[in-house]
Amino acid sequence: MTKKPTVEELGIDPDALDWKRSGNDEGAIEVAFAGEWTLLRTSGRLISVFDENEWACFLDGVKKGEFDNAAS
């Protein structure tokens, strides 16, 4: 298995991306797309880099309610 690259290794400038926010509160998540990569962060801090398959699986889990109780 190949190690997943970091944002730095991809040469992506996070400040240059078009981030979409889930809300206006401090704990809101932000998502940006950079080619085949999806970046996820909270409060401006990078959390994870997803490839296309991982992002599709994450969205599928969200749709199925797998994360509904994650914050409690």
N, C-alpha and C. Protein backbone atom coordinates (compact mmCIF):
# COMPACT_ATOMS: atom_id res chain seq x y z
N MET A 1 0.84 -1.17 0.00
CA MET A 1 0.00 0.00 0.00
C MET A 1 0.89 1.25 0.00
N THR A 2 0.56 2.19 -0.85
CA THR A 2 1.31 3.42 -0.97
C THR A 2 0.83 4.42 0.07
N LYS A 3 1.78 5.14 0.66
CA LYS A 3 1.43 6.17 1.64
C LYS A 3 0.69 7.31 0.96
N LYS A 4 -0.38 7.76 1.58
CA LYS A 4 -1.15 8.88 1.05
C LYS A 4 -0.34 10.16 1.21
N PRO A 5 -0.31 11.00 0.16
CA PRO A 5 0.48 12.24 0.25
C PRO A 5 -0.17 13.27 1.15
N THR A 6 0.64 14.14 1.68
CA THR A 6 0.17 15.28 2.44
C THR A 6 -0.11 16.42 1.46
N VAL A 7 -0.72 17.49 1.93
CA VAL A 7 -0.96 18.66 1.10
C VAL A 7 0.37 19.23 0.62
N GLU A 8 1.35 19.25 1.50
CA GLU A 8 2.67 19.77 1.13
C GLU A 8 3.28 18.92 0.03
N GLU A 9 3.18 17.61 0.14
CA GLU A 9 3.74 16.71 -0.88
C GLU A 9 3.01 16.86 -2.22
N LEU A 10 1.72 17.21 -2.17
CA LEU A 10 0.97 17.43 -3.41
C LEU A 10 1.28 18.79 -4.04
N GLY A 11 1.90 19.67 -3.27
CA GLY A 11 2.21 21.01 -3.77
C GLY A 11 0.99 21.90 -3.89
N ILE A 12 -0.01 21.64 -3.04
CA ILE A 12 -1.26 22.40 -3.07
C ILE A 12 -1.18 23.53 -2.05
N ASP A 13 -1.59 24.73 -2.46
CA ASP A 13 -1.68 25.87 -1.54
C ASP A 13 -3.10 25.91 -1.01
N PRO A 14 -3.34 25.49 0.24
CA PRO A 14 -4.71 25.46 0.79
C PRO A 14 -5.40 26.82 0.73
N ASP A 15 -4.65 27.91 0.86
CA ASP A 15 -5.26 29.24 0.85
C ASP A 15 -5.80 29.62 -0.53
N ALA A 16 -5.32 28.95 -1.57
CA ALA A 16 -5.76 29.26 -2.93
C ALA A 16 -6.99 28.46 -3.35
N LEU A 17 -7.44 27.52 -2.50
CA LEU A 17 -8.58 26.67 -2.84
C LEU A 17 -9.90 27.33 -2.49
N ASP A 18 -10.95 26.89 -3.13
CA ASP A 18 -12.31 27.36 -2.88
C ASP A 18 -12.94 26.43 -1.85
N TRP A 19 -12.88 26.80 -0.58
CA TRP A 19 -13.39 25.98 0.52
C TRP A 19 -14.89 26.18 0.69
N LYS A 20 -15.62 25.08 0.84
CA LYS A 20 -17.06 25.11 1.13
C LYS A 20 -17.24 24.76 2.60
N ARG A 21 -17.98 25.60 3.34
CA ARG A 21 -18.18 25.40 4.78
C ARG A 21 -19.52 24.77 5.07
N SER A 22 -19.56 23.94 6.11
CA SER A 22 -20.81 23.30 6.53
C SER A 22 -21.67 24.24 7.37
N GLY A 23 -21.11 25.32 7.85
CA GLY A 23 -21.83 26.28 8.68
C GLY A 23 -20.90 27.39 9.11
N ASN A 24 -21.38 28.25 10.01
CA ASN A 24 -20.58 29.39 10.44
C ASN A 24 -19.97 29.23 11.82
N ASP A 25 -20.33 28.16 12.54
CA ASP A 25 -19.80 27.99 13.89
C ASP A 25 -18.34 27.55 13.85
N GLU A 26 -17.68 27.62 15.00
CA GLU A 26 -16.26 27.31 15.09
C GLU A 26 -15.94 25.87 14.68
N GLY A 27 -16.84 24.94 14.92
CA GLY A 27 -16.59 23.54 14.61
C GLY A 27 -17.01 23.12 13.22
N ALA A 28 -17.36 24.07 12.36
CA ALA A 28 -17.79 23.74 11.01
C ALA A 28 -16.66 23.08 10.22
N ILE A 29 -17.02 22.16 9.36
CA ILE A 29 -16.01 21.55 8.50
C ILE A 29 -15.96 22.30 7.19
N GLU A 30 -14.80 22.23 6.55
CA GLU A 30 -14.60 22.85 5.25
C GLU A 30 -14.06 21.79 4.30
N VAL A 31 -14.55 21.83 3.06
CA VAL A 31 -14.14 20.87 2.04
C VAL A 31 -13.69 21.64 0.81
N ALA A 32 -12.59 21.19 0.21
CA ALA A 32 -12.11 21.77 -1.05
C ALA A 32 -11.67 20.63 -1.96
N PHE A 33 -11.79 20.86 -3.25
CA PHE A 33 -11.42 19.85 -4.24
C PHE A 33 -10.22 20.36 -5.04
N ALA A 34 -9.22 19.49 -5.19
CA ALA A 34 -8.00 19.83 -5.92
C ALA A 34 -7.66 18.65 -6.83
N GLY A 35 -8.16 18.70 -8.06
CA GLY A 35 -7.94 17.59 -8.98
C GLY A 35 -8.61 16.34 -8.46
N GLU A 36 -7.85 15.27 -8.35
CA GLU A 36 -8.40 14.01 -7.87
C GLU A 36 -8.48 13.93 -6.34
N TRP A 37 -8.05 14.96 -5.65
CA TRP A 37 -7.99 14.95 -4.19
C TRP A 37 -9.08 15.81 -3.58
N THR A 38 -9.58 15.37 -2.43
CA THR A 38 -10.53 16.14 -1.64
C THR A 38 -9.87 16.41 -0.30
N LEU A 39 -9.89 17.67 0.13
CA LEU A 39 -9.28 18.06 1.39
C LEU A 39 -10.38 18.43 2.37
N LEU A 40 -10.24 18.00 3.61
CA LEU A 40 -11.23 18.23 4.66
C LEU A 40 -10.51 18.85 5.84
N ARG A 41 -11.08 19.94 6.38
CA ARG A 41 -10.46 20.59 7.54
C ARG A 41 -11.55 21.19 8.44
N THR A 42 -11.15 21.54 9.67
CA THR A 42 -12.02 22.27 10.58
C THR A 42 -11.25 23.48 11.07
N SER A 43 -11.94 24.58 11.21
CA SER A 43 -11.35 25.83 11.72
C SER A 43 -10.04 26.20 11.03
N GLY A 44 -9.94 25.95 9.74
CA GLY A 44 -8.76 26.32 8.98
C GLY A 44 -7.58 25.38 9.13
N ARG A 45 -7.73 24.33 9.91
CA ARG A 45 -6.64 23.37 10.12
C ARG A 45 -6.92 22.12 9.31
N LEU A 46 -5.97 21.71 8.49
CA LEU A 46 -6.17 20.55 7.64
C LEU A 46 -6.34 19.30 8.48
N ILE A 47 -7.35 18.53 8.15
CA ILE A 47 -7.60 17.29 8.86
C ILE A 47 -7.18 16.08 8.04
N SER A 48 -7.61 16.01 6.77
CA SER A 48 -7.33 14.82 6.00
C SER A 48 -7.38 15.09 4.51
N VAL A 49 -6.69 14.23 3.77
CA VAL A 49 -6.71 14.23 2.31
C VAL A 49 -7.34 12.91 1.87
N PHE A 50 -8.34 13.00 1.01
CA PHE A 50 -9.05 11.81 0.52
C PHE A 50 -8.80 11.65 -0.98
N ASP A 51 -8.63 10.40 -1.43
CA ASP A 51 -8.66 10.19 -2.87
C ASP A 51 -10.12 10.02 -3.28
N GLU A 52 -10.38 9.87 -4.55
CA GLU A 52 -11.76 9.83 -5.04
C GLU A 52 -12.58 8.70 -4.42
N ASN A 53 -11.99 7.51 -4.29
CA ASN A 53 -12.70 6.37 -3.71
C ASN A 53 -13.00 6.58 -2.23
N GLU A 54 -12.02 7.09 -1.49
CA GLU A 54 -12.23 7.35 -0.06
C GLU A 54 -13.33 8.38 0.15
N TRP A 55 -13.34 9.42 -0.68
CA TRP A 55 -14.36 10.47 -0.55
C TRP A 55 -15.74 9.89 -0.84
N ALA A 56 -15.85 9.06 -1.87
CA ALA A 56 -17.13 8.43 -2.21
C ALA A 56 -17.61 7.56 -1.05
N CYS A 57 -16.72 6.81 -0.42
CA CYS A 57 -17.09 5.97 0.73
C CYS A 57 -17.51 6.83 1.92
N PHE A 58 -16.81 7.93 2.16
CA PHE A 58 -17.17 8.84 3.25
C PHE A 58 -18.57 9.41 3.02
N LEU A 59 -18.83 9.90 1.81
CA LEU A 59 -20.16 10.45 1.51
C LEU A 59 -21.25 9.40 1.65
N ASP A 60 -20.96 8.17 1.25
CA ASP A 60 -21.92 7.08 1.40
C ASP A 60 -22.24 6.86 2.88
N GLY A 61 -21.22 6.89 3.74
CA GLY A 61 -21.44 6.74 5.17
C GLY A 61 -22.26 7.87 5.76
N VAL A 62 -22.00 9.09 5.29
CA VAL A 62 -22.78 10.24 5.75
C VAL A 62 -24.25 10.06 5.37
N LYS A 63 -24.50 9.67 4.13
CA LYS A 63 -25.87 9.48 3.65
C LYS A 63 -26.60 8.39 4.43
N LYS A 64 -25.86 7.40 4.89
CA LYS A 64 -26.45 6.29 5.66
C LYS A 64 -26.57 6.60 7.14
N GLY A 65 -26.11 7.79 7.57
CA GLY A 65 -26.23 8.18 8.96
C GLY A 65 -25.16 7.62 9.88
N GLU A 66 -24.07 7.12 9.33
CA GLU A 66 -23.03 6.51 10.14
C GLU A 66 -22.33 7.48 11.07
N PHE A 67 -22.43 8.77 10.81
CA PHE A 67 -21.74 9.78 11.61
C PHE A 67 -22.68 10.64 12.41
N ASP A 68 -23.95 10.30 12.42
CA ASP A 68 -24.97 11.14 13.09
C ASP A 68 -24.67 11.35 14.57
N ASN A 69 -24.07 10.40 15.23
CA ASN A 69 -23.82 10.53 16.67
C ASN A 69 -22.34 10.76 16.99
N ALA A 70 -21.56 11.13 15.98
CA ALA A 70 -20.12 11.29 16.17
C ALA A 70 -19.75 12.39 17.14
N ALA A 71 -20.55 13.44 17.21
CA ALA A 71 -20.22 14.57 18.08
C ALA A 71 -20.73 14.39 19.50
N SER A 72 -21.52 13.37 19.74
CA SER A 72 -22.07 13.21 21.10
C SER A 72 -21.27 12.28 21.96
